[in-house]
Amino acid sequence: MKKFKFKLETVQNLRKKKVEEEIRKLSIVVGQVNKLSNEIQENNSAINKTIENFENIVGEDINYLRIVDNYVKLLNVKNEQLKIEIQEQNENLNNAIQKVIEARKEEKIIEILREKKYKEYYDRILRYERSEEDEANLREVVEDKRGLRHETVETTQPKIPRVPKFYKKKHVPANEYEKVMEYYESLKKLYGGK
């Protein structure tokens, strides 16, 4: 019989690549959000440091105090802008997450189809093997009956008819490990191993 060939193999590969691409895009957006969050933390630590230094220099030059005040206001304004950017990036992040989820669903659908087709293929092979076994058994029975009739005419002693062999139903392995073990056992029997 032919080897199993999934007709939608290229579609499955394309969907896997799409999932990988969406995950890559998601990681870019997450990286941008993290970068903005880190900038806010750096600005906050700079503000805290400046305020601590300012408290130590109380009573110094009034111009220096204005510069420090303007610097702190500037950092607070930057933080507000960064928070707005993070909100915008969170929308992009949610969109990217949804795209990854959709891509994974599409990939899973193809994977389920592949499994279903493989099961059908495997069942077809089993039916084919059973039909071959049945034909072999039937041929053996017919040959035995023909041989028996021919022998009873020629000799006076009736021979005990040979009982046809009926093959046992093959055990279908449940997983790859059982397949390998059955193959190992058959090789062991074939070559007389211990």
N, C-alpha and C. Protein backbone atom coordinates (compact mmCIF):
# COMPACT_ATOMS: atom_id res chain seq x y z
N MET A 1 0.82 -1.19 0.00
CA MET A 1 0.00 0.00 0.00
C MET A 1 0.86 1.24 0.00
N LYS A 2 0.27 2.30 -0.43
CA LYS A 2 0.98 3.56 -0.46
C LYS A 2 1.26 4.07 0.94
N LYS A 3 2.32 4.84 1.02
CA LYS A 3 2.66 5.49 2.29
C LYS A 3 1.65 6.61 2.53
N PHE A 4 1.41 6.91 3.81
CA PHE A 4 0.45 7.96 4.16
C PHE A 4 0.92 9.31 3.65
N LYS A 5 0.04 9.99 2.93
CA LYS A 5 0.33 11.32 2.40
C LYS A 5 -0.86 12.20 2.73
N PHE A 6 -0.61 13.27 3.47
CA PHE A 6 -1.66 14.21 3.86
C PHE A 6 -1.74 15.29 2.78
N LYS A 7 -2.91 15.42 2.17
CA LYS A 7 -3.06 16.34 1.05
C LYS A 7 -2.94 17.80 1.46
N LEU A 8 -3.22 18.10 2.72
CA LEU A 8 -3.17 19.48 3.20
C LEU A 8 -1.86 19.78 3.94
N GLU A 9 -0.82 19.03 3.61
CA GLU A 9 0.47 19.20 4.28
C GLU A 9 1.01 20.63 4.11
N THR A 10 0.89 21.17 2.91
CA THR A 10 1.40 22.53 2.68
C THR A 10 0.59 23.55 3.47
N VAL A 11 -0.72 23.33 3.54
CA VAL A 11 -1.57 24.24 4.32
C VAL A 11 -1.16 24.18 5.79
N GLN A 12 -0.91 22.98 6.27
CA GLN A 12 -0.50 22.81 7.66
C GLN A 12 0.83 23.53 7.92
N ASN A 13 1.77 23.40 7.00
CA ASN A 13 3.05 24.08 7.17
C ASN A 13 2.89 25.59 7.14
N LEU A 14 2.02 26.08 6.25
CA LEU A 14 1.77 27.52 6.19
C LEU A 14 1.14 28.03 7.49
N ARG A 15 0.24 27.25 8.05
CA ARG A 15 -0.40 27.68 9.30
C ARG A 15 0.58 27.66 10.46
N LYS A 16 1.50 26.71 10.46
CA LYS A 16 2.54 26.69 11.50
C LYS A 16 3.42 27.93 11.38
N LYS A 17 3.76 28.27 10.15
CA LYS A 17 4.58 29.47 9.93
C LYS A 17 3.82 30.73 10.34
N LYS A 18 2.51 30.73 10.11
CA LYS A 18 1.71 31.89 10.49
C LYS A 18 1.70 32.04 12.01
N VAL A 19 1.57 30.93 12.73
CA VAL A 19 1.60 30.98 14.19
C VAL A 19 2.95 31.54 14.66
N GLU A 20 4.03 31.05 14.06
CA GLU A 20 5.36 31.53 14.44
C GLU A 20 5.49 33.03 14.16
N GLU A 21 4.97 33.48 13.03
CA GLU A 21 5.03 34.90 12.68
C GLU A 21 4.23 35.75 13.66
N GLU A 22 3.04 35.29 14.03
CA GLU A 22 2.20 36.03 14.97
C GLU A 22 2.85 36.09 16.35
N ILE A 23 3.50 35.01 16.75
CA ILE A 23 4.20 35.00 18.04
C ILE A 23 5.38 35.98 17.99
N ARG A 24 6.06 36.03 16.85
CA ARG A 24 7.17 36.97 16.71
C ARG A 24 6.66 38.41 16.82
N LYS A 25 5.53 38.71 16.15
CA LYS A 25 4.95 40.05 16.24
C LYS A 25 4.53 40.37 17.67
N LEU A 26 3.96 39.39 18.35
CA LEU A 26 3.55 39.58 19.74
C LEU A 26 4.76 39.90 20.62
N SER A 27 5.85 39.20 20.40
CA SER A 27 7.03 39.45 21.21
C SER A 27 7.59 40.85 20.97
N ILE A 28 7.46 41.37 19.75
CA ILE A 28 7.90 42.73 19.46
C ILE A 28 7.06 43.74 20.25
N VAL A 29 5.74 43.53 20.25
CA VAL A 29 4.85 44.45 20.98
C VAL A 29 5.12 44.37 22.48
N VAL A 30 5.32 43.17 23.00
CA VAL A 30 5.62 43.01 24.43
C VAL A 30 6.94 43.71 24.76
N GLY A 31 7.90 43.60 23.87
CA GLY A 31 9.18 44.28 24.08
C GLY A 31 9.02 45.79 24.13
N GLN A 32 8.15 46.32 23.26
CA GLN A 32 7.92 47.77 23.26
C GLN A 32 7.24 48.22 24.56
N VAL A 33 6.26 47.46 25.02
CA VAL A 33 5.57 47.80 26.27
C VAL A 33 6.56 47.75 27.44
N ASN A 34 7.39 46.73 27.47
CA ASN A 34 8.39 46.62 28.54
C ASN A 34 9.38 47.78 28.50
N LYS A 35 9.78 48.18 27.29
CA LYS A 35 10.72 49.31 27.15
C LYS A 35 10.10 50.59 27.72
N LEU A 36 8.83 50.84 27.39
CA LEU A 36 8.15 52.03 27.90
C LEU A 36 8.00 51.98 29.43
N SER A 37 7.68 50.80 29.95
CA SER A 37 7.56 50.65 31.41
C SER A 37 8.90 50.91 32.10
N ASN A 38 9.96 50.43 31.48
CA ASN A 38 11.30 50.66 32.05
C ASN A 38 11.65 52.15 32.03
N GLU A 39 11.27 52.85 30.97
CA GLU A 39 11.53 54.29 30.91
C GLU A 39 10.78 55.02 32.03
N ILE A 40 9.54 54.63 32.28
CA ILE A 40 8.77 55.25 33.37
C ILE A 40 9.47 55.00 34.71
N GLN A 41 9.93 53.77 34.93
CA GLN A 41 10.63 53.46 36.18
C GLN A 41 11.92 54.27 36.32
N GLU A 42 12.65 54.42 35.22
CA GLU A 42 13.88 55.22 35.26
C GLU A 42 13.56 56.68 35.58
N ASN A 43 12.50 57.22 34.97
CA ASN A 43 12.11 58.61 35.25
C ASN A 43 11.70 58.78 36.71
N ASN A 44 10.95 57.81 37.23
CA ASN A 44 10.53 57.89 38.64
C ASN A 44 11.74 57.85 39.58
N SER A 45 12.70 56.99 39.26
CA SER A 45 13.89 56.93 40.12
C SER A 45 14.70 58.22 40.00
N ALA A 46 14.74 58.84 38.81
CA ALA A 46 15.44 60.12 38.64
C ALA A 46 14.74 61.22 39.43
N ILE A 47 13.38 61.20 39.41
CA ILE A 47 12.62 62.19 40.18
C ILE A 47 12.92 62.03 41.67
N ASN A 48 12.90 60.79 42.17
CA ASN A 48 13.16 60.54 43.59
C ASN A 48 14.57 60.98 43.99
N LYS A 49 15.54 60.70 43.11
CA LYS A 49 16.91 61.09 43.39
C LYS A 49 17.04 62.61 43.43
N THR A 50 16.40 63.27 42.48
CA THR A 50 16.47 64.73 42.42
C THR A 50 15.82 65.36 43.65
N ILE A 51 14.70 64.81 44.08
CA ILE A 51 14.02 65.34 45.27
C ILE A 51 14.88 65.14 46.51
N GLU A 52 15.55 63.99 46.62
CA GLU A 52 16.44 63.75 47.76
C GLU A 52 17.59 64.76 47.78
N ASN A 53 18.18 64.98 46.59
CA ASN A 53 19.27 65.95 46.49
C ASN A 53 18.78 67.36 46.81
N PHE A 54 17.56 67.65 46.36
CA PHE A 54 16.98 68.96 46.58
C PHE A 54 16.78 69.21 48.07
N GLU A 55 16.32 68.18 48.79
CA GLU A 55 16.09 68.33 50.23
C GLU A 55 17.40 68.60 50.98
N ASN A 56 18.50 68.06 50.48
CA ASN A 56 19.80 68.27 51.12
C ASN A 56 20.34 69.69 50.89
N ILE A 57 19.88 70.33 49.82
CA ILE A 57 20.42 71.64 49.47
C ILE A 57 19.40 72.74 49.75
N VAL A 58 18.64 72.62 50.74
CA VAL A 58 17.63 73.63 51.07
C VAL A 58 18.35 74.93 51.43
N GLY A 59 17.84 76.01 50.91
CA GLY A 59 18.41 77.32 51.21
C GLY A 59 19.47 77.75 50.21
N GLU A 60 19.69 77.01 49.17
CA GLU A 60 20.68 77.39 48.16
C GLU A 60 20.08 78.39 47.19
N ASP A 61 20.70 78.56 46.10
CA ASP A 61 20.33 79.51 45.05
C ASP A 61 18.91 79.24 44.55
N ILE A 62 18.12 80.31 44.39
CA ILE A 62 16.73 80.19 43.95
C ILE A 62 16.65 79.72 42.50
N ASN A 63 17.62 80.08 41.68
CA ASN A 63 17.64 79.63 40.27
C ASN A 63 17.83 78.11 40.20
N TYR A 64 18.65 77.60 41.08
CA TYR A 64 18.86 76.16 41.13
C TYR A 64 17.56 75.45 41.49
N LEU A 65 16.80 76.02 42.41
CA LEU A 65 15.53 75.44 42.80
C LEU A 65 14.54 75.44 41.64
N ARG A 66 14.52 76.49 40.86
CA ARG A 66 13.63 76.54 39.68
C ARG A 66 14.03 75.48 38.65
N ILE A 67 15.33 75.33 38.45
CA ILE A 67 15.81 74.33 37.47
C ILE A 67 15.40 72.92 37.92
N VAL A 68 15.56 72.64 39.18
CA VAL A 68 15.18 71.32 39.72
C VAL A 68 13.68 71.13 39.57
N ASP A 69 12.91 72.15 39.89
CA ASP A 69 11.46 72.06 39.77
C ASP A 69 11.04 71.81 38.33
N ASN A 70 11.63 72.53 37.38
CA ASN A 70 11.32 72.34 35.96
C ASN A 70 11.72 70.94 35.49
N TYR A 71 12.85 70.45 35.98
CA TYR A 71 13.31 69.12 35.61
C TYR A 71 12.33 68.05 36.09
N VAL A 72 11.85 68.18 37.32
CA VAL A 72 10.89 67.22 37.87
C VAL A 72 9.58 67.29 37.09
N LYS A 73 9.13 68.51 36.74
CA LYS A 73 7.90 68.65 35.95
C LYS A 73 8.07 68.01 34.58
N LEU A 74 9.24 68.21 33.97
CA LEU A 74 9.51 67.61 32.66
C LEU A 74 9.44 66.09 32.73
N LEU A 75 10.05 65.51 33.76
CA LEU A 75 10.01 64.05 33.92
C LEU A 75 8.57 63.55 34.15
N ASN A 76 7.79 64.29 34.91
CA ASN A 76 6.38 63.90 35.12
C ASN A 76 5.59 63.96 33.82
N VAL A 77 5.85 64.98 32.99
CA VAL A 77 5.17 65.09 31.70
C VAL A 77 5.57 63.92 30.80
N LYS A 78 6.87 63.57 30.80
CA LYS A 78 7.33 62.42 30.01
C LYS A 78 6.65 61.13 30.47
N ASN A 79 6.52 60.99 31.78
CA ASN A 79 5.86 59.80 32.31
C ASN A 79 4.40 59.71 31.85
N GLU A 80 3.72 60.82 31.84
CA GLU A 80 2.32 60.83 31.37
C GLU A 80 2.25 60.44 29.90
N GLN A 81 3.18 60.98 29.11
CA GLN A 81 3.22 60.62 27.68
C GLN A 81 3.52 59.13 27.51
N LEU A 82 4.44 58.62 28.30
CA LEU A 82 4.78 57.19 28.22
C LEU A 82 3.60 56.32 28.63
N LYS A 83 2.83 56.76 29.62
CA LYS A 83 1.64 56.00 30.03
C LYS A 83 0.61 55.96 28.91
N ILE A 84 0.46 57.07 28.20
CA ILE A 84 -0.46 57.10 27.05
C ILE A 84 0.03 56.14 25.96
N GLU A 85 1.35 56.14 25.71
CA GLU A 85 1.91 55.22 24.72
C GLU A 85 1.71 53.77 25.14
N ILE A 86 1.83 53.50 26.44
CA ILE A 86 1.63 52.13 26.93
C ILE A 86 0.18 51.70 26.70
N GLN A 87 -0.76 52.61 26.92
CA GLN A 87 -2.17 52.28 26.67
C GLN A 87 -2.39 51.95 25.20
N GLU A 88 -1.77 52.75 24.32
CA GLU A 88 -1.88 52.46 22.88
C GLU A 88 -1.24 51.10 22.56
N GLN A 89 -0.09 50.85 23.16
CA GLN A 89 0.59 49.58 22.91
C GLN A 89 -0.20 48.41 23.50
N ASN A 90 -0.91 48.65 24.60
CA ASN A 90 -1.74 47.58 25.16
C ASN A 90 -2.84 47.16 24.19
N GLU A 91 -3.38 48.12 23.45
CA GLU A 91 -4.37 47.78 22.42
C GLU A 91 -3.71 46.92 21.34
N ASN A 92 -2.50 47.31 20.92
CA ASN A 92 -1.76 46.50 19.94
C ASN A 92 -1.44 45.12 20.52
N LEU A 93 -1.12 45.10 21.81
CA LEU A 93 -0.82 43.83 22.47
C LEU A 93 -2.03 42.91 22.47
N ASN A 94 -3.19 43.46 22.80
CA ASN A 94 -4.42 42.65 22.79
C ASN A 94 -4.73 42.14 21.39
N ASN A 95 -4.53 42.99 20.37
CA ASN A 95 -4.75 42.55 18.99
C ASN A 95 -3.78 41.43 18.61
N ALA A 96 -2.53 41.58 19.01
CA ALA A 96 -1.52 40.56 18.70
C ALA A 96 -1.86 39.24 19.39
N ILE A 97 -2.33 39.32 20.62
CA ILE A 97 -2.71 38.09 21.35
C ILE A 97 -3.87 37.40 20.65
N GLN A 98 -4.87 38.19 20.22
CA GLN A 98 -6.01 37.61 19.50
C GLN A 98 -5.56 36.94 18.20
N LYS A 99 -4.62 37.57 17.50
CA LYS A 99 -4.13 36.98 16.25
C LYS A 99 -3.41 35.67 16.51
N VAL A 100 -2.63 35.61 17.58
CA VAL A 100 -1.94 34.36 17.93
C VAL A 100 -2.96 33.26 18.25
N ILE A 101 -3.99 33.63 19.00
CA ILE A 101 -5.03 32.65 19.36
C ILE A 101 -5.72 32.13 18.11
N GLU A 102 -6.08 33.03 17.20
CA GLU A 102 -6.74 32.61 15.95
C GLU A 102 -5.83 31.72 15.11
N ALA A 103 -4.56 32.10 15.01
CA ALA A 103 -3.62 31.30 14.22
C ALA A 103 -3.46 29.91 14.82
N ARG A 104 -3.42 29.82 16.14
CA ARG A 104 -3.29 28.51 16.78
C ARG A 104 -4.55 27.67 16.57
N LYS A 105 -5.72 28.31 16.58
CA LYS A 105 -6.97 27.57 16.31
C LYS A 105 -6.95 26.99 14.91
N GLU A 106 -6.54 27.81 13.94
CA GLU A 106 -6.48 27.33 12.56
C GLU A 106 -5.49 26.18 12.42
N GLU A 107 -4.35 26.29 13.11
CA GLU A 107 -3.36 25.22 13.06
C GLU A 107 -3.92 23.95 13.68
N LYS A 108 -4.64 24.08 14.78
CA LYS A 108 -5.20 22.92 15.48
C LYS A 108 -6.25 22.22 14.60
N ILE A 109 -7.02 23.00 13.86
CA ILE A 109 -8.02 22.42 12.96
C ILE A 109 -7.35 21.50 11.95
N ILE A 110 -6.28 22.00 11.34
CA ILE A 110 -5.56 21.18 10.34
C ILE A 110 -4.95 19.95 11.01
N GLU A 111 -4.45 20.10 12.22
CA GLU A 111 -3.86 18.97 12.93
C GLU A 111 -4.92 17.90 13.21
N ILE A 112 -6.11 18.33 13.59
CA ILE A 112 -7.20 17.38 13.83
C ILE A 112 -7.58 16.66 12.53
N LEU A 113 -7.64 17.41 11.43
CA LEU A 113 -7.92 16.79 10.13
C LEU A 113 -6.86 15.76 9.77
N ARG A 114 -5.61 16.10 10.03
CA ARG A 114 -4.52 15.18 9.72
C ARG A 114 -4.66 13.89 10.53
N GLU A 115 -4.95 14.03 11.82
CA GLU A 115 -5.11 12.85 12.66
C GLU A 115 -6.27 11.99 12.18
N LYS A 116 -7.36 12.63 11.79
CA LYS A 116 -8.54 11.91 11.30
C LYS A 116 -8.20 11.15 10.01
N LYS A 117 -7.49 11.82 9.09
CA LYS A 117 -7.12 11.17 7.84
C LYS A 117 -6.15 10.02 8.08
N TYR A 118 -5.24 10.19 9.03
CA TYR A 118 -4.30 9.12 9.33
C TYR A 118 -5.03 7.91 9.92
N LYS A 119 -6.02 8.17 10.77
CA LYS A 119 -6.79 7.07 11.33
C LYS A 119 -7.54 6.33 10.23
N GLU A 120 -8.13 7.06 9.29
CA GLU A 120 -8.82 6.43 8.16
C GLU A 120 -7.83 5.59 7.35
N TYR A 121 -6.65 6.12 7.10
CA TYR A 121 -5.62 5.41 6.35
C TYR A 121 -5.23 4.13 7.08
N TYR A 122 -5.01 4.25 8.39
CA TYR A 122 -4.61 3.10 9.19
C TYR A 122 -5.71 2.03 9.19
N ASP A 123 -6.96 2.44 9.31
CA ASP A 123 -8.09 1.49 9.27
C ASP A 123 -8.17 0.80 7.91
N ARG A 124 -7.92 1.55 6.85
CA ARG A 124 -7.94 0.97 5.51
C ARG A 124 -6.85 -0.10 5.36
N ILE A 125 -5.68 0.18 5.90
CA ILE A 125 -4.59 -0.79 5.85
C ILE A 125 -4.97 -2.05 6.62
N LEU A 126 -5.56 -1.89 7.79
CA LEU A 126 -5.99 -3.06 8.58
C LEU A 126 -7.02 -3.89 7.82
N ARG A 127 -8.00 -3.21 7.19
CA ARG A 127 -9.00 -3.94 6.41
C ARG A 127 -8.35 -4.70 5.25
N TYR A 128 -7.40 -4.05 4.60
CA TYR A 128 -6.69 -4.68 3.48
C TYR A 128 -5.93 -5.91 3.96
N GLU A 129 -5.23 -5.80 5.07
CA GLU A 129 -4.48 -6.94 5.60
C GLU A 129 -5.42 -8.07 6.02
N ARG A 130 -6.54 -7.72 6.62
CA ARG A 130 -7.51 -8.76 7.02
C ARG A 130 -8.06 -9.48 5.79
N SER A 131 -8.36 -8.72 4.75
CA SER A 131 -8.90 -9.35 3.54
C SER A 131 -7.85 -10.27 2.91
N GLU A 132 -6.58 -9.89 2.95
CA GLU A 132 -5.53 -10.76 2.43
C GLU A 132 -5.42 -12.04 3.27
N GLU A 133 -5.53 -11.90 4.58
CA GLU A 133 -5.49 -13.07 5.46
C GLU A 133 -6.68 -13.99 5.19
N ASP A 134 -7.85 -13.40 5.01
CA ASP A 134 -9.04 -14.19 4.73
C ASP A 134 -8.90 -14.93 3.40
N GLU A 135 -8.37 -14.27 2.38
CA GLU A 135 -8.16 -14.93 1.09
C GLU A 135 -7.16 -16.07 1.22
N ALA A 136 -6.09 -15.85 1.97
CA ALA A 136 -5.09 -16.91 2.17
C ALA A 136 -5.70 -18.10 2.90
N ASN A 137 -6.50 -17.84 3.91
CA ASN A 137 -7.17 -18.92 4.64
C ASN A 137 -8.14 -19.67 3.74
N LEU A 138 -8.88 -18.95 2.93
CA LEU A 138 -9.83 -19.59 2.02
C LEU A 138 -9.10 -20.44 0.99
N ARG A 139 -8.02 -19.95 0.44
CA ARG A 139 -7.23 -20.73 -0.52
C ARG A 139 -6.72 -22.01 0.13
N GLU A 140 -6.26 -21.89 1.36
CA GLU A 140 -5.73 -23.05 2.07
C GLU A 140 -6.82 -24.08 2.31
N VAL A 141 -8.01 -23.64 2.68
CA VAL A 141 -9.13 -24.55 2.92
C VAL A 141 -9.51 -25.25 1.62
N VAL A 142 -9.58 -24.49 0.54
CA VAL A 142 -9.95 -25.09 -0.76
C VAL A 142 -8.90 -26.09 -1.20
N GLU A 143 -7.64 -25.75 -1.04
CA GLU A 143 -6.57 -26.67 -1.44
C GLU A 143 -6.60 -27.93 -0.58
N ASP A 144 -6.88 -27.79 0.70
CA ASP A 144 -6.97 -28.95 1.59
C ASP A 144 -8.12 -29.86 1.18
N LYS A 145 -9.27 -29.30 0.82
CA LYS A 145 -10.42 -30.12 0.43
C LYS A 145 -10.14 -30.85 -0.88
N ARG A 146 -9.52 -30.17 -1.81
CA ARG A 146 -9.18 -30.82 -3.09
C ARG A 146 -8.18 -31.95 -2.86
N GLY A 147 -7.20 -31.71 -2.05
CA GLY A 147 -6.18 -32.72 -1.76
C GLY A 147 -6.79 -33.89 -1.02
N LEU A 148 -7.76 -33.68 -0.14
CA LEU A 148 -8.40 -34.73 0.64
C LEU A 148 -9.22 -35.64 -0.26
N ARG A 149 -9.99 -35.09 -1.17
CA ARG A 149 -10.80 -35.89 -2.08
C ARG A 149 -9.92 -36.76 -2.96
N HIS A 150 -8.85 -36.21 -3.41
CA HIS A 150 -7.94 -36.92 -4.29
C HIS A 150 -7.28 -38.10 -3.55
N GLU A 151 -6.95 -37.92 -2.31
CA GLU A 151 -6.28 -38.95 -1.53
C GLU A 151 -7.26 -40.06 -1.13
N THR A 152 -8.53 -39.78 -0.85
CA THR A 152 -9.47 -40.80 -0.41
C THR A 152 -9.81 -41.76 -1.54
N VAL A 153 -9.77 -41.32 -2.75
CA VAL A 153 -10.05 -42.20 -3.88
C VAL A 153 -8.90 -43.17 -4.07
N GLU A 154 -7.68 -42.74 -3.92
CA GLU A 154 -6.51 -43.55 -4.19
C GLU A 154 -6.21 -44.54 -3.06
N THR A 155 -6.42 -44.18 -1.81
CA THR A 155 -6.06 -45.07 -0.70
C THR A 155 -7.32 -45.54 0.01
N THR A 156 -7.18 -46.65 0.69
CA THR A 156 -8.30 -47.20 1.41
C THR A 156 -8.40 -46.61 2.81
N GLN A 157 -7.28 -46.18 3.36
CA GLN A 157 -7.32 -45.58 4.67
C GLN A 157 -7.64 -44.09 4.55
N PRO A 158 -8.71 -43.72 5.23
CA PRO A 158 -9.01 -42.29 5.16
C PRO A 158 -8.01 -41.50 6.03
N LYS A 159 -7.58 -40.46 5.48
CA LYS A 159 -6.65 -39.59 6.19
C LYS A 159 -7.45 -38.56 7.00
N ILE A 160 -6.89 -38.19 8.13
CA ILE A 160 -7.56 -37.18 8.94
C ILE A 160 -7.41 -35.84 8.22
N PRO A 161 -8.52 -35.19 8.00
CA PRO A 161 -8.41 -33.91 7.27
C PRO A 161 -7.66 -32.87 8.10
N ARG A 162 -6.93 -32.12 7.39
CA ARG A 162 -6.15 -31.06 8.03
C ARG A 162 -7.06 -29.89 8.35
N VAL A 163 -6.98 -29.45 9.56
CA VAL A 163 -7.79 -28.31 9.98
C VAL A 163 -7.10 -27.04 9.50
N PRO A 164 -7.84 -26.21 8.79
CA PRO A 164 -7.20 -25.00 8.27
C PRO A 164 -6.78 -24.05 9.40
N LYS A 165 -5.70 -23.37 9.14
CA LYS A 165 -5.23 -22.38 10.11
C LYS A 165 -6.00 -21.10 9.89
N PHE A 166 -6.52 -20.62 10.93
CA PHE A 166 -7.13 -19.29 10.88
C PHE A 166 -6.22 -18.38 11.66
N TYR A 167 -5.84 -17.37 11.01
CA TYR A 167 -4.92 -16.43 11.65
C TYR A 167 -5.63 -15.68 12.76
N LYS A 168 -4.91 -15.51 13.81
CA LYS A 168 -5.45 -14.70 14.89
C LYS A 168 -5.50 -13.26 14.43
N LYS A 169 -6.44 -12.56 14.98
CA LYS A 169 -6.49 -11.13 14.67
C LYS A 169 -5.24 -10.49 15.23
N LYS A 170 -4.66 -9.67 14.41
CA LYS A 170 -3.43 -9.01 14.85
C LYS A 170 -3.75 -8.01 15.94
N HIS A 171 -2.84 -7.98 16.87
CA HIS A 171 -2.95 -6.98 17.94
C HIS A 171 -2.54 -5.63 17.36
N VAL A 172 -3.39 -4.66 17.49
CA VAL A 172 -3.09 -3.32 16.99
C VAL A 172 -2.39 -2.55 18.10
N PRO A 173 -1.13 -2.15 17.84
CA PRO A 173 -0.40 -1.42 18.89
C PRO A 173 -1.06 -0.09 19.21
N ALA A 174 -1.09 0.25 20.48
CA ALA A 174 -1.74 1.48 20.93
C ALA A 174 -0.84 2.69 20.76
N ASN A 175 0.49 2.47 20.79
CA ASN A 175 1.38 3.61 20.69
C ASN A 175 2.67 3.18 20.00
N GLU A 176 3.57 4.12 19.83
CA GLU A 176 4.83 3.87 19.13
C GLU A 176 5.70 2.86 19.88
N TYR A 177 5.68 2.91 21.20
CA TYR A 177 6.49 2.00 21.99
C TYR A 177 6.07 0.55 21.71
N GLU A 178 4.75 0.29 21.70
CA GLU A 178 4.28 -1.07 21.43
C GLU A 178 4.65 -1.52 20.03
N LYS A 179 4.60 -0.62 19.07
CA LYS A 179 4.99 -0.95 17.69
C LYS A 179 6.45 -1.39 17.65
N VAL A 180 7.29 -0.63 18.32
CA VAL A 180 8.72 -0.94 18.32
C VAL A 180 8.97 -2.28 19.02
N MET A 181 8.27 -2.52 20.13
CA MET A 181 8.46 -3.77 20.85
C MET A 181 7.98 -4.96 20.02
N GLU A 182 6.86 -4.84 19.30
CA GLU A 182 6.39 -5.92 18.44
C GLU A 182 7.38 -6.19 17.32
N TYR A 183 7.92 -5.14 16.76
CA TYR A 183 8.91 -5.29 15.69
C TYR A 183 10.15 -6.00 16.23
N TYR A 184 10.57 -5.61 17.42
CA TYR A 184 11.73 -6.23 18.07
C TYR A 184 11.47 -7.72 18.30
N GLU A 185 10.29 -8.05 18.80
CA GLU A 185 9.95 -9.45 19.07
C GLU A 185 9.91 -10.26 17.77
N SER A 186 9.37 -9.67 16.70
CA SER A 186 9.31 -10.40 15.43
C SER A 186 10.71 -10.64 14.87
N LEU A 187 11.59 -9.68 15.03
CA LEU A 187 12.99 -9.88 14.58
C LEU A 187 13.68 -10.94 15.44
N LYS A 188 13.37 -10.93 16.71
CA LYS A 188 13.96 -11.90 17.63
C LYS A 188 13.53 -13.32 17.22
N LYS A 189 12.25 -13.50 16.89
CA LYS A 189 11.74 -14.81 16.48
C LYS A 189 12.34 -15.22 15.14
N LEU A 190 12.44 -14.25 14.24
CA LEU A 190 12.94 -14.51 12.89
C LEU A 190 14.39 -14.97 12.92
N TYR A 191 15.19 -14.35 13.71
CA TYR A 191 16.63 -14.67 13.74
C TYR A 191 17.02 -15.56 14.91
N GLY A 192 16.03 -16.06 15.64
CA GLY A 192 16.28 -17.02 16.70
C GLY A 192 17.01 -16.42 17.89
N GLY A 193 16.74 -15.18 18.17
CA GLY A 193 17.38 -14.52 19.31
C GLY A 193 16.78 -14.99 20.62
N LYS A 194 17.46 -14.68 21.69
CA LYS A 194 16.97 -15.11 23.00
C LYS A 194 16.05 -14.13 23.59
